[in-house]
């Protein structure tokens, strides 16, 4: 099987065919999405709507994303016959396989398509089916592609995405981490319902600013169950429209009429884990062990070493606490006194 792809020829062909484009600023980088299909560009416009859209031309853009369809490049399907170097199985986006093709990293999601990082700043996005209603029927699929790209851009900007929610009041900024289903979103939305600023319920941006570990907002649609809605007064009217054992996506800024907050230094990190033997502040080793299971969030294997170094620094700089769901609820009561 031939897996020696001429990526530059593919890029050149896509560049010649592209007739529609849109420009965004993501983590201080100018990012241009280009395609011959306006539906793909429209889909990415929706998926990246939390980032500022620019009106200038793309001559000085730092990153370029070319969009097309797998059926136009059927040779790409051969990649899935080899063993991936990494498989990410995230409850919020599904399973993504990563292939190291020497000259490119390739990310594949079944029934979604391929994302190829040809160079550090050039991506090719090949959607699975032409004619599929990408914009309205499968927006989360396009969101996943955009999410991998944004994660890489943020990493190259000197910051990282972490698997945590974050909220802030006038006196405190808290991160809440935990495995999928631990109750991060419920905990975060309870704080937001009580008037706290919302940075994200599942993923946020973290980096150093003026020597302090700081969090920046990363807004995506929140995915909540009917049970969560029943626990939060502002969302209770949505509960009856969500079937049991299912979750639905909502735009949190619409639900709570929020503004995007400024970055904030992080005061504390809480890890929700009902099986942990005790609640309270963790030692450096305990914090690293806990957060390495729940906090690290990256796609490219090339980023693993840097992520581990960053995790150790965070655990050494910020108090980390083990907590149950009840502990978080009690914390909210105490903080709002």
C-alpha atoms as a PDB file:
ATOM      1  CA  UNK A   1       0.000   0.000   0.000  1.00  0.00           C
ATOM      2  CA  UNK A   2       1.362   3.414  -0.953  1.00  0.00           C
ATOM      3  CA  UNK A   3       1.304   5.905   1.906  1.00  0.00           C
ATOM      4  CA  UNK A   4       3.911   8.255   0.445  1.00  0.00           C
ATOM      5  CA  UNK A   5       1.640  11.204  -0.295  1.00  0.00           C
ATOM      6  CA  UNK A   6       2.642  14.278  -2.251  1.00  0.00           C
ATOM      7  CA  UNK A   7       1.062  16.744   0.154  1.00  0.00           C
ATOM      8  CA  UNK A   8       2.375  19.824  -1.619  1.00  0.00           C
ATOM      9  CA  UNK A   9       0.662  18.812  -4.853  1.00  0.00           C
ATOM     10  CA  UNK A  10      -2.579  18.398  -2.918  1.00  0.00           C
ATOM     11  CA  UNK A  11      -2.137  21.842  -1.346  1.00  0.00           C
ATOM     12  CA  UNK A  12      -1.408  23.408  -4.740  1.00  0.00           C
ATOM     13  CA  UNK A  13      -4.525  21.834  -6.253  1.00  0.00           C
ATOM     14  CA  UNK A  14      -6.710  23.000  -3.389  1.00  0.00           C
ATOM     15  CA  UNK A  15      -5.267  26.512  -3.558  1.00  0.00           C
ATOM     16  CA  UNK A  16      -6.097  26.723  -7.265  1.00  0.00           C
ATOM     17  CA  UNK A  17      -9.663  25.477  -6.760  1.00  0.00           C
ATOM     18  CA  UNK A  18     -10.557  27.655  -3.761  1.00  0.00           C
ATOM     19  CA  UNK A  19     -12.978  30.474  -4.505  1.00  0.00           C
ATOM     20  CA  UNK A  20     -14.458  31.232  -1.056  1.00  0.00           C
ATOM     21  CA  UNK A  21     -12.570  32.314   2.052  1.00  0.00           C
ATOM     22  CA  UNK A  22     -13.030  33.760   5.507  1.00  0.00           C
ATOM     23  CA  UNK A  23     -10.497  35.171   7.969  1.00  0.00           C
ATOM     24  CA  UNK A  24     -10.357  34.874  11.778  1.00  0.00           C
ATOM     25  CA  UNK A  25      -8.026  35.906  14.560  1.00  0.00           C
ATOM     26  CA  UNK A  26      -7.318  32.934  16.815  1.00  0.00           C
ATOM     27  CA  UNK A  27      -4.868  33.243  19.720  1.00  0.00           C
ATOM     28  CA  UNK A  28      -3.290  36.314  18.091  1.00  0.00           C
ATOM     29  CA  UNK A  29      -2.840  34.508  14.766  1.00  0.00           C
ATOM     30  CA  UNK A  30      -4.612  35.309  11.500  1.00  0.00           C
ATOM     31  CA  UNK A  31      -6.279  32.137  10.248  1.00  0.00           C
ATOM     32  CA  UNK A  32      -7.852  31.823   6.799  1.00  0.00           C
ATOM     33  CA  UNK A  33     -10.352  29.107   5.809  1.00  0.00           C
ATOM     34  CA  UNK A  34     -10.472  28.535   2.051  1.00  0.00           C
ATOM     35  CA  UNK A  35     -12.566  26.192  -0.103  1.00  0.00           C
ATOM     36  CA  UNK A  36     -14.343  25.809  -3.420  1.00  0.00           C
ATOM     37  CA  UNK A  37     -17.505  24.925  -1.451  1.00  0.00           C
ATOM     38  CA  UNK A  38     -19.250  27.739   0.412  1.00  0.00           C
ATOM     39  CA  UNK A  39     -20.980  25.256   2.749  1.00  0.00           C
ATOM     40  CA  UNK A  40     -17.628  24.162   4.193  1.00  0.00           C
ATOM     41  CA  UNK A  41     -16.579  27.782   4.739  1.00  0.00           C
ATOM     42  CA  UNK A  42     -19.977  28.584   6.291  1.00  0.00           C
ATOM     43  CA  UNK A  43     -19.616  25.593   8.602  1.00  0.00           C
ATOM     44  CA  UNK A  44     -16.238  26.733   9.860  1.00  0.00           C
ATOM     45  CA  UNK A  45     -17.596  30.264  10.247  1.00  0.00           C
ATOM     46  CA  UNK A  46     -20.196  28.871  12.651  1.00  0.00           C
ATOM     47  CA  UNK A  47     -17.713  26.587  14.429  1.00  0.00           C
ATOM     48  CA  UNK A  48     -15.259  29.452  14.993  1.00  0.00           C
ATOM     49  CA  UNK A  49     -17.865  32.078  15.852  1.00  0.00           C
ATOM     50  CA  UNK A  50     -16.346  32.678  19.308  1.00  0.00           C
ATOM     51  CA  UNK A  51     -13.226  34.113  17.635  1.00  0.00           C
ATOM     52  CA  UNK A  52     -13.025  37.589  16.045  1.00  0.00           C
ATOM     53  CA  UNK A  53     -13.735  37.600  12.324  1.00  0.00           C
ATOM     54  CA  UNK A  54     -11.517  39.856  10.230  1.00  0.00           C
ATOM     55  CA  UNK A  55     -12.437  41.737   7.091  1.00  0.00           C
ATOM     56  CA  UNK A  56      -8.955  42.165   5.629  1.00  0.00           C
ATOM     57  CA  UNK A  57      -7.628  39.990   2.827  1.00  0.00           C
ATOM     58  CA  UNK A  58      -5.577  36.867   3.587  1.00  0.00           C
ATOM     59  CA  UNK A  59      -2.181  37.971   2.264  1.00  0.00           C
ATOM     60  CA  UNK A  60      -0.664  38.128   5.734  1.00  0.00           C
ATOM     61  CA  UNK A  61      -2.483  35.213   7.378  1.00  0.00           C
ATOM     62  CA  UNK A  62      -0.419  32.952   9.623  1.00  0.00           C
ATOM     63  CA  UNK A  63      -2.424  29.732   9.154  1.00  0.00           C
ATOM     64  CA  UNK A  64      -4.397  28.418   6.166  1.00  0.00           C
ATOM     65  CA  UNK A  65      -7.104  25.742   6.270  1.00  0.00           C
ATOM     66  CA  UNK A  66      -8.130  24.240   2.919  1.00  0.00           C
ATOM     67  CA  UNK A  67     -11.505  22.497   2.871  1.00  0.00           C
ATOM     68  CA  UNK A  68     -12.750  19.849   0.431  1.00  0.00           C
ATOM     69  CA  UNK A  69     -14.169  16.298   0.371  1.00  0.00           C
ATOM     70  CA  UNK A  70     -12.696  12.813   0.747  1.00  0.00           C
ATOM     71  CA  UNK A  71     -14.254  11.655  -2.528  1.00  0.00           C
ATOM     72  CA  UNK A  72     -12.070  14.157  -4.401  1.00  0.00           C
ATOM     73  CA  UNK A  73      -8.945  12.592  -2.862  1.00  0.00           C
ATOM     74  CA  UNK A  74      -9.833   8.871  -2.464  1.00  0.00           C
ATOM     75  CA  UNK A  75      -6.179   7.891  -2.051  1.00  0.00           C
ATOM     76  CA  UNK A  76      -6.326   9.320   1.472  1.00  0.00           C
ATOM     77  CA  UNK A  77      -8.470   6.357   2.588  1.00  0.00           C
ATOM     78  CA  UNK A  78      -5.402   4.094   2.519  1.00  0.00           C
ATOM     79  CA  UNK A  79      -4.075   5.765   5.652  1.00  0.00           C
ATOM     80  CA  UNK A  80      -6.668   4.045   7.844  1.00  0.00           C
ATOM     81  CA  UNK A  81      -5.130   0.646   6.968  1.00  0.00           C
ATOM     82  CA  UNK A  82      -2.036   1.414   9.028  1.00  0.00           C
ATOM     83  CA  UNK A  83      -1.760   1.574  12.810  1.00  0.00           C
ATOM     84  CA  UNK A  84      -2.358   5.003  14.360  1.00  0.00           C
ATOM     85  CA  UNK A  85       0.300   6.409  16.677  1.00  0.00           C
ATOM     86  CA  UNK A  86      -2.395   7.718  19.016  1.00  0.00           C
ATOM     87  CA  UNK A  87      -6.146   7.333  19.495  1.00  0.00           C
ATOM     88  CA  UNK A  88      -8.041  10.054  21.377  1.00  0.00           C
ATOM     89  CA  UNK A  89     -11.418   8.938  22.726  1.00  0.00           C
ATOM     90  CA  UNK A  90     -13.083  12.003  24.220  1.00  0.00           C
ATOM     91  CA  UNK A  91     -16.754  11.857  25.279  1.00  0.00           C
ATOM     92  CA  UNK A  92     -17.377  15.358  23.935  1.00  0.00           C
ATOM     93  CA  UNK A  93     -15.998  14.807  20.413  1.00  0.00           C
ATOM     94  CA  UNK A  94     -15.759  11.036  19.960  1.00  0.00           C
ATOM     95  CA  UNK A  95     -12.820   8.951  18.750  1.00  0.00           C
ATOM     96  CA  UNK A  96     -10.055  10.511  16.651  1.00  0.00           C
ATOM     97  CA  UNK A  97      -7.091   8.510  15.325  1.00  0.00           C
ATOM     98  CA  UNK A  98      -3.735  10.198  14.700  1.00  0.00           C
ATOM     99  CA  UNK A  99      -1.298   8.956  12.038  1.00  0.00           C
ATOM    100  CA  UNK A 100       2.318  10.074  11.694  1.00  0.00           C
ATOM    101  CA  UNK A 101       3.027  10.152   7.952  1.00  0.00           C
ATOM    102  CA  UNK A 102       6.571  11.510   8.446  1.00  0.00           C
ATOM    103  CA  UNK A 103       5.910  14.672   6.477  1.00  0.00           C
ATOM    104  CA  UNK A 104       2.446  15.276   7.966  1.00  0.00           C
ATOM    105  CA  UNK A 105       0.182  14.427  10.892  1.00  0.00           C
ATOM    106  CA  UNK A 106      -3.196  13.037   9.830  1.00  0.00           C
ATOM    107  CA  UNK A 107      -6.260  12.991  12.116  1.00  0.00           C
ATOM    108  CA  UNK A 108      -9.190  10.778  11.134  1.00  0.00           C
ATOM    109  CA  UNK A 109     -12.701  10.565  12.551  1.00  0.00           C
ATOM    110  CA  UNK A 110     -15.100   7.934  11.237  1.00  0.00           C
ATOM    111  CA  UNK A 111     -18.014   9.406   9.240  1.00  0.00           C
ATOM    112  CA  UNK A 112     -16.493  12.861   9.635  1.00  0.00           C
ATOM    113  CA  UNK A 113     -13.330  12.943   7.566  1.00  0.00           C
ATOM    114  CA  UNK A 114      -9.619  13.689   7.606  1.00  0.00           C
ATOM    115  CA  UNK A 115      -7.620  16.610   8.937  1.00  0.00           C
ATOM    116  CA  UNK A 116      -4.060  16.778   7.612  1.00  0.00           C
ATOM    117  CA  UNK A 117      -1.432  19.059   9.122  1.00  0.00           C
ATOM    118  CA  UNK A 118       0.863  19.386   6.132  1.00  0.00           C
ATOM    119  CA  UNK A 119       3.075  22.037   7.653  1.00  0.00           C
ATOM    120  CA  UNK A 120       2.979  23.687  11.045  1.00  0.00           C
ATOM    121  CA  UNK A 121       0.595  26.328   9.712  1.00  0.00           C
ATOM    122  CA  UNK A 122      -1.159  24.595   6.776  1.00  0.00           C
ATOM    123  CA  UNK A 123      -4.108  22.234   7.254  1.00  0.00           C
ATOM    124  CA  UNK A 124      -6.253  20.266   4.806  1.00  0.00           C
ATOM    125  CA  UNK A 125      -9.754  19.344   5.951  1.00  0.00           C
ATOM    126  CA  UNK A 126     -11.446  16.630   3.846  1.00  0.00           C
ATOM    127  CA  UNK A 127     -15.064  16.079   4.839  1.00  0.00           C
ATOM    128  CA  UNK A 128     -16.520  12.595   4.560  1.00  0.00           C
ATOM    129  CA  UNK A 129     -19.530  13.156   2.297  1.00  0.00           C
ATOM    130  CA  UNK A 130     -20.398  15.697  -0.328  1.00  0.00           C
ATOM    131  CA  UNK A 131     -24.040  16.718  -0.203  1.00  0.00           C
ATOM    132  CA  UNK A 132     -24.252  16.052   3.514  1.00  0.00           C
ATOM    133  CA  UNK A 133     -25.945  18.941   5.302  1.00  0.00           C
ATOM    134  CA  UNK A 134     -22.776  19.929   7.113  1.00  0.00           C
ATOM    135  CA  UNK A 135     -23.971  23.291   8.329  1.00  0.00           C
ATOM    136  CA  UNK A 136     -27.284  22.287   9.864  1.00  0.00           C
ATOM    137  CA  UNK A 137     -27.265  18.498  10.178  1.00  0.00           C
ATOM    138  CA  UNK A 138     -23.776  17.787  11.482  1.00  0.00           C
ATOM    139  CA  UNK A 139     -22.372  20.997  12.864  1.00  0.00           C
ATOM    140  CA  UNK A 140     -20.615  19.174  15.709  1.00  0.00           C
ATOM    141  CA  UNK A 141     -18.643  17.184  13.126  1.00  0.00           C
ATOM    142  CA  UNK A 142     -17.274  20.393  11.639  1.00  0.00           C
ATOM    143  CA  UNK A 143     -16.762  21.740  15.147  1.00  0.00           C
ATOM    144  CA  UNK A 144     -14.504  18.774  15.908  1.00  0.00           C
ATOM    145  CA  UNK A 145     -12.273  19.519  12.924  1.00  0.00           C
ATOM    146  CA  UNK A 146     -12.060  23.168  13.908  1.00  0.00           C
ATOM    147  CA  UNK A 147     -11.393  22.189  17.493  1.00  0.00           C
ATOM    148  CA  UNK A 148      -8.280  20.152  16.618  1.00  0.00           C
ATOM    149  CA  UNK A 149      -6.934  23.077  14.583  1.00  0.00           C
ATOM    150  CA  UNK A 150      -7.629  25.645  17.298  1.00  0.00           C
ATOM    151  CA  UNK A 151      -5.967  23.390  19.890  1.00  0.00           C
ATOM    152  CA  UNK A 152      -2.800  23.307  17.794  1.00  0.00           C
ATOM    153  CA  UNK A 153      -2.815  27.071  17.184  1.00  0.00           C
ATOM    154  CA  UNK A 154      -3.242  27.747  20.909  1.00  0.00           C
ATOM    155  CA  UNK A 155      -0.341  25.406  21.690  1.00  0.00           C
ATOM    156  CA  UNK A 156       1.903  27.223  19.206  1.00  0.00           C
ATOM    157  CA  UNK A 157       0.928  30.541  20.793  1.00  0.00           C
ATOM    158  CA  UNK A 158       2.551  29.431  24.057  1.00  0.00           C
ATOM    159  CA  UNK A 159      -0.683  28.453  25.829  1.00  0.00           C
ATOM    160  CA  UNK A 160      -2.519  25.134  26.177  1.00  0.00           C
ATOM    161  CA  UNK A 161      -6.056  23.804  26.280  1.00  0.00           C
ATOM    162  CA  UNK A 162      -6.885  21.911  29.460  1.00  0.00           C
ATOM    163  CA  UNK A 163      -9.767  19.575  30.219  1.00  0.00           C
ATOM    164  CA  UNK A 164     -11.471  21.664  32.898  1.00  0.00           C
ATOM    165  CA  UNK A 165     -14.183  24.213  33.477  1.00  0.00           C
ATOM    166  CA  UNK A 166     -13.448  27.626  34.939  1.00  0.00           C
ATOM    167  CA  UNK A 167     -15.408  30.337  36.733  1.00  0.00           C
ATOM    168  CA  UNK A 168     -14.475  33.587  38.449  1.00  0.00           C
ATOM    169  CA  UNK A 169     -16.010  36.106  40.815  1.00  0.00           C
ATOM    170  CA  UNK A 170     -14.672  39.353  42.204  1.00  0.00           C
ATOM    171  CA  UNK A 171     -12.552  37.472  44.728  1.00  0.00           C
ATOM    172  CA  UNK A 172     -11.629  34.083  43.224  1.00  0.00           C
ATOM    173  CA  UNK A 173     -10.888  32.209  39.993  1.00  0.00           C
ATOM    174  CA  UNK A 174     -11.424  28.444  40.135  1.00  0.00           C
ATOM    175  CA  UNK A 175     -10.751  25.588  37.726  1.00  0.00           C
ATOM    176  CA  UNK A 176     -12.839  22.415  38.007  1.00  0.00           C
ATOM    177  CA  UNK A 177     -11.462  19.239  36.438  1.00  0.00           C
ATOM    178  CA  UNK A 178     -12.512  15.589  36.410  1.00  0.00           C
ATOM    179  CA  UNK A 179     -13.110  12.685  34.078  1.00  0.00           C
ATOM    180  CA  UNK A 180     -16.044  12.696  31.657  1.00  0.00           C
ATOM    181  CA  UNK A 181     -19.309  12.475  33.582  1.00  0.00           C
ATOM    182  CA  UNK A 182     -17.731  13.575  36.877  1.00  0.00           C
ATOM    183  CA  UNK A 183     -19.965  16.636  37.051  1.00  0.00           C
ATOM    184  CA  UNK A 184     -17.752  19.472  35.768  1.00  0.00           C
ATOM    185  CA  UNK A 185     -20.437  21.076  33.643  1.00  0.00           C
ATOM    186  CA  UNK A 186     -23.060  20.861  36.388  1.00  0.00           C
ATOM    187  CA  UNK A 187     -20.652  22.385  38.926  1.00  0.00           C
ATOM    188  CA  UNK A 188     -19.592  25.193  36.580  1.00  0.00           C
ATOM    189  CA  UNK A 189     -23.149  26.053  35.525  1.00  0.00           C
ATOM    190  CA  UNK A 190     -24.237  26.230  39.162  1.00  0.00           C
ATOM    191  CA  UNK A 191     -21.571  28.881  39.750  1.00  0.00           C
ATOM    192  CA  UNK A 192     -22.644  30.729  36.598  1.00  0.00           C
ATOM    193  CA  UNK A 193     -26.272  30.605  37.713  1.00  0.00           C
ATOM    194  CA  UNK A 194     -25.101  32.275  40.946  1.00  0.00           C
ATOM    195  CA  UNK A 195     -23.553  35.151  38.992  1.00  0.00           C
ATOM    196  CA  UNK A 196     -19.959  34.018  38.396  1.00  0.00           C
ATOM    197  CA  UNK A 197     -18.129  34.688  35.124  1.00  0.00           C
ATOM    198  CA  UNK A 198     -18.012  31.743  32.725  1.00  0.00           C
ATOM    199  CA  UNK A 199     -14.755  30.740  30.993  1.00  0.00           C
ATOM    200  CA  UNK A 200     -15.800  27.271  29.818  1.00  0.00           C
ATOM    201  CA  UNK A 201     -17.456  24.149  31.194  1.00  0.00           C
ATOM    202  CA  UNK A 202     -15.206  21.474  29.700  1.00  0.00           C
ATOM    203  CA  UNK A 203     -12.188  23.171  28.099  1.00  0.00           C
ATOM    204  CA  UNK A 204     -10.359  26.416  28.844  1.00  0.00           C
ATOM    205  CA  UNK A 205      -7.106  28.064  27.753  1.00  0.00           C
ATOM    206  CA  UNK A 206      -4.268  28.239  30.277  1.00  0.00           C
ATOM    207  CA  UNK A 207      -0.881  29.958  30.088  1.00  0.00           C
ATOM    208  CA  UNK A 208       1.547  32.125  32.002  1.00  0.00           C
ATOM    209  CA  UNK A 209       1.065  35.883  32.097  1.00  0.00           C
ATOM    210  CA  UNK A 210       3.291  38.133  34.185  1.00  0.00           C
ATOM    211  CA  UNK A 211       4.627  35.044  35.936  1.00  0.00           C
ATOM    212  CA  UNK A 212       1.203  33.723  36.993  1.00  0.00           C
ATOM    213  CA  UNK A 213      -0.771  30.798  35.618  1.00  0.00           C
ATOM    214  CA  UNK A 214      -3.784  32.424  34.000  1.00  0.00           C
ATOM    215  CA  UNK A 215      -7.006  31.212  32.383  1.00  0.00           C
ATOM    216  CA  UNK A 216      -8.598  32.569  29.196  1.00  0.00           C
ATOM    217  CA  UNK A 217     -12.164  31.729  28.086  1.00  0.00           C
ATOM    218  CA  UNK A 218     -12.800  29.008  25.527  1.00  0.00           C
ATOM    219  CA  UNK A 219     -16.473  29.126  24.691  1.00  0.00           C
ATOM    220  CA  UNK A 220     -18.143  26.213  22.953  1.00  0.00           C
ATOM    221  CA  UNK A 221     -21.744  25.014  23.103  1.00  0.00           C
ATOM    222  CA  UNK A 222     -22.363  23.347  26.476  1.00  0.00           C
ATOM    223  CA  UNK A 223     -23.660  19.790  26.432  1.00  0.00           C
ATOM    224  CA  UNK A 224     -26.075  19.144  29.284  1.00  0.00           C
ATOM    225  CA  UNK A 225     -28.510  16.464  30.395  1.00  0.00           C
ATOM    226  CA  UNK A 226     -32.057  16.946  31.586  1.00  0.00           C
ATOM    227  CA  UNK A 227     -30.874  16.049  35.095  1.00  0.00           C
ATOM    228  CA  UNK A 228     -28.363  18.911  35.063  1.00  0.00           C
ATOM    229  CA  UNK A 229     -31.025  21.331  33.824  1.00  0.00           C
ATOM    230  CA  UNK A 230     -33.310  20.366  36.711  1.00  0.00           C
ATOM    231  CA  UNK A 231     -30.567  21.246  39.207  1.00  0.00           C
ATOM    232  CA  UNK A 232     -30.059  24.763  37.846  1.00  0.00           C
ATOM    233  CA  UNK A 233     -32.976  27.207  38.120  1.00  0.00           C
ATOM    234  CA  UNK A 234     -32.071  29.158  34.978  1.00  0.00           C
ATOM    235  CA  UNK A 235     -32.095  25.942  32.901  1.00  0.00           C
ATOM    236  CA  UNK A 236     -35.009  24.095  34.471  1.00  0.00           C
ATOM    237  CA  UNK A 237     -37.367  25.005  31.609  1.00  0.00           C
ATOM    238  CA  UNK A 238     -35.170  22.988  29.207  1.00  0.00           C
ATOM    239  CA  UNK A 239     -35.276  19.728  31.146  1.00  0.00           C
ATOM    240  CA  UNK A 240     -38.492  18.303  29.699  1.00  0.00           C
ATOM    241  CA  UNK A 241     -37.166  18.683  26.131  1.00  0.00           C
ATOM    242  CA  UNK A 242     -34.164  16.418  26.736  1.00  0.00           C
ATOM    243  CA  UNK A 243     -34.830  12.639  26.641  1.00  0.00           C
ATOM    244  CA  UNK A 244     -33.484  10.496  29.481  1.00  0.00           C
ATOM    245  CA  UNK A 245     -29.856   9.371  29.014  1.00  0.00           C
ATOM    246  CA  UNK A 246     -29.269  12.029  26.366  1.00  0.00           C
ATOM    247  CA  UNK A 247     -27.582  15.418  26.301  1.00  0.00           C
ATOM    248  CA  UNK A 248     -28.170  18.470  24.130  1.00  0.00           C
ATOM    249  CA  UNK A 249     -25.943  21.347  23.082  1.00  0.00           C
ATOM    250  CA  UNK A 250     -26.817  24.931  23.993  1.00  0.00           C
ATOM    251  CA  UNK A 251     -25.107  28.290  23.587  1.00  0.00           C
ATOM    252  CA  UNK A 252     -24.306  29.304  27.144  1.00  0.00           C
ATOM    253  CA  UNK A 253     -24.130  33.025  26.369  1.00  0.00           C
ATOM    254  CA  UNK A 254     -27.739  32.908  25.151  1.00  0.00           C
ATOM    255  CA  UNK A 255     -28.965  30.903  28.136  1.00  0.00           C
ATOM    256  CA  UNK A 256     -27.337  33.163  30.720  1.00  0.00           C
ATOM    257  CA  UNK A 257     -26.900  36.397  28.736  1.00  0.00           C
ATOM    258  CA  UNK A 258     -23.168  36.411  29.476  1.00  0.00           C
ATOM    259  CA  UNK A 259     -20.266  38.512  28.304  1.00  0.00           C
ATOM    260  CA  UNK A 260     -16.862  37.012  27.492  1.00  0.00           C
ATOM    261  CA  UNK A 261     -14.657  37.729  30.534  1.00  0.00           C
ATOM    262  CA  UNK A 262     -11.069  38.963  30.581  1.00  0.00           C
ATOM    263  CA  UNK A 263      -8.288  36.548  31.513  1.00  0.00           C
ATOM    264  CA  UNK A 264      -7.778  35.874  35.227  1.00  0.00           C
ATOM    265  CA  UNK A 265      -4.949  34.433  37.382  1.00  0.00           C
ATOM    266  CA  UNK A 266      -5.934  30.986  38.690  1.00  0.00           C
ATOM    267  CA  UNK A 267      -6.360  30.719  42.455  1.00  0.00           C
ATOM    268  CA  UNK A 268      -7.269  27.041  42.936  1.00  0.00           C
ATOM    269  CA  UNK A 269      -7.941  23.841  41.006  1.00  0.00           C
ATOM    270  CA  UNK A 270     -10.538  21.272  42.097  1.00  0.00           C
ATOM    271  CA  UNK A 271     -10.601  17.703  40.796  1.00  0.00           C
ATOM    272  CA  UNK A 272     -13.994  16.014  41.131  1.00  0.00           C
ATOM    273  CA  UNK A 273     -13.493  12.340  41.934  1.00  0.00           C
ATOM    274  CA  UNK A 274     -15.953  10.482  44.151  1.00  0.00           C
ATOM    275  CA  UNK A 275     -13.617   7.463  44.444  1.00  0.00           C
ATOM    276  CA  UNK A 276     -10.705   9.437  45.925  1.00  0.00           C
ATOM    277  CA  UNK A 277      -9.981   8.343  49.506  1.00  0.00           C
ATOM    278  CA  UNK A 278     -10.179  11.860  50.932  1.00  0.00           C
ATOM    279  CA  UNK A 279     -11.097  15.430  50.086  1.00  0.00           C
ATOM    280  CA  UNK A 280      -8.755  18.360  50.568  1.00  0.00           C
ATOM    281  CA  UNK A 281      -5.500  19.767  49.255  1.00  0.00           C
ATOM    282  CA  UNK A 282      -3.247  17.310  47.426  1.00  0.00           C
ATOM    283  CA  UNK A 283       0.511  16.934  47.558  1.00  0.00           C
ATOM    284  CA  UNK A 284       2.515  17.724  44.425  1.00  0.00           C
ATOM    285  CA  UNK A 285       2.719  14.036  43.504  1.00  0.00           C
ATOM    286  CA  UNK A 286      -0.978  13.423  44.216  1.00  0.00           C
ATOM    287  CA  UNK A 287      -1.973  16.500  42.207  1.00  0.00           C
ATOM    288  CA  UNK A 288       0.178  15.453  39.243  1.00  0.00           C
ATOM    289  CA  UNK A 289      -1.222  11.921  39.298  1.00  0.00           C
ATOM    290  CA  UNK A 290      -4.799  13.174  39.450  1.00  0.00           C
ATOM    291  CA  UNK A 291      -4.483  15.907  36.838  1.00  0.00           C
ATOM    292  CA  UNK A 292      -2.476  13.780  34.406  1.00  0.00           C
ATOM    293  CA  UNK A 293      -5.585  11.579  34.107  1.00  0.00           C
ATOM    294  CA  UNK A 294      -8.124  14.371  33.694  1.00  0.00           C
ATOM    295  CA  UNK A 295      -6.448  17.689  32.852  1.00  0.00           C
ATOM    296  CA  UNK A 296      -4.103  17.124  29.908  1.00  0.00           C
ATOM    297  CA  UNK A 297      -5.666  17.856  26.537  1.00  0.00           C
ATOM    298  CA  UNK A 298      -3.763  17.625  23.261  1.00  0.00           C
ATOM    299  CA  UNK A 299      -3.979  15.854  19.917  1.00  0.00           C
ATOM    300  CA  UNK A 300      -0.529  15.741  18.324  1.00  0.00           C
ATOM    301  CA  UNK A 301       1.943  13.267  19.914  1.00  0.00           C
ATOM    302  CA  UNK A 302       4.640  15.892  19.326  1.00  0.00           C
ATOM    303  CA  UNK A 303       3.051  17.983  22.108  1.00  0.00           C
ATOM    304  CA  UNK A 304       3.136  15.280  24.816  1.00  0.00           C
ATOM    305  CA  UNK A 305       6.487  16.171  26.433  1.00  0.00           C
ATOM    306  CA  UNK A 306       5.644  19.866  26.669  1.00  0.00           C
ATOM    307  CA  UNK A 307       2.250  19.037  28.177  1.00  0.00           C
ATOM    308  CA  UNK A 308       3.846  16.922  30.921  1.00  0.00           C
ATOM    309  CA  UNK A 309       6.309  19.715  31.763  1.00  0.00           C
ATOM    310  CA  UNK A 310       3.459  22.222  31.894  1.00  0.00           C
ATOM    311  CA  UNK A 311       1.360  19.949  34.111  1.00  0.00           C
ATOM    312  CA  UNK A 312       4.172  19.604  36.638  1.00  0.00           C
ATOM    313  CA  UNK A 313       4.683  23.369  36.747  1.00  0.00           C
ATOM    314  CA  UNK A 314       0.954  23.994  37.274  1.00  0.00           C
ATOM    315  CA  UNK A 315       0.778  21.450  40.118  1.00  0.00           C
ATOM    316  CA  UNK A 316       3.805  23.071  41.737  1.00  0.00           C
ATOM    317  CA  UNK A 317       2.366  26.595  41.422  1.00  0.00           C
ATOM    318  CA  UNK A 318      -1.375  26.332  42.147  1.00  0.00           C
ATOM    319  CA  UNK A 319      -3.134  24.564  45.070  1.00  0.00           C
ATOM    320  CA  UNK A 320      -4.979  21.462  43.815  1.00  0.00           C
ATOM    321  CA  UNK A 321      -7.833  19.924  45.805  1.00  0.00           C
ATOM    322  CA  UNK A 322      -9.653  16.605  45.553  1.00  0.00           C
ATOM    323  CA  UNK A 323     -13.403  17.123  45.845  1.00  0.00           C
ATOM    324  CA  UNK A 324     -16.737  15.370  45.552  1.00  0.00           C
ATOM    325  CA  UNK A 325     -19.780  16.920  43.900  1.00  0.00           C
ATOM    326  CA  UNK A 326     -21.103  17.792  47.362  1.00  0.00           C
ATOM    327  CA  UNK A 327     -17.810  19.494  48.198  1.00  0.00           C
ATOM    328  CA  UNK A 328     -18.176  21.725  45.139  1.00  0.00           C
ATOM    329  CA  UNK A 329     -21.766  22.584  46.070  1.00  0.00           C
ATOM    330  CA  UNK A 330     -20.659  23.497  49.600  1.00  0.00           C
ATOM    331  CA  UNK A 331     -17.816  25.574  48.146  1.00  0.00           C
ATOM    332  CA  UNK A 332     -20.319  27.585  46.112  1.00  0.00           C
ATOM    333  CA  UNK A 333     -22.340  28.292  49.256  1.00  0.00           C
ATOM    334  CA  UNK A 334     -19.229  29.408  51.143  1.00  0.00           C
ATOM    335  CA  UNK A 335     -17.892  31.590  48.311  1.00  0.00           C
ATOM    336  CA  UNK A 336     -21.224  33.389  47.911  1.00  0.00           C
ATOM    337  CA  UNK A 337     -21.639  34.257  51.594  1.00  0.00           C
END
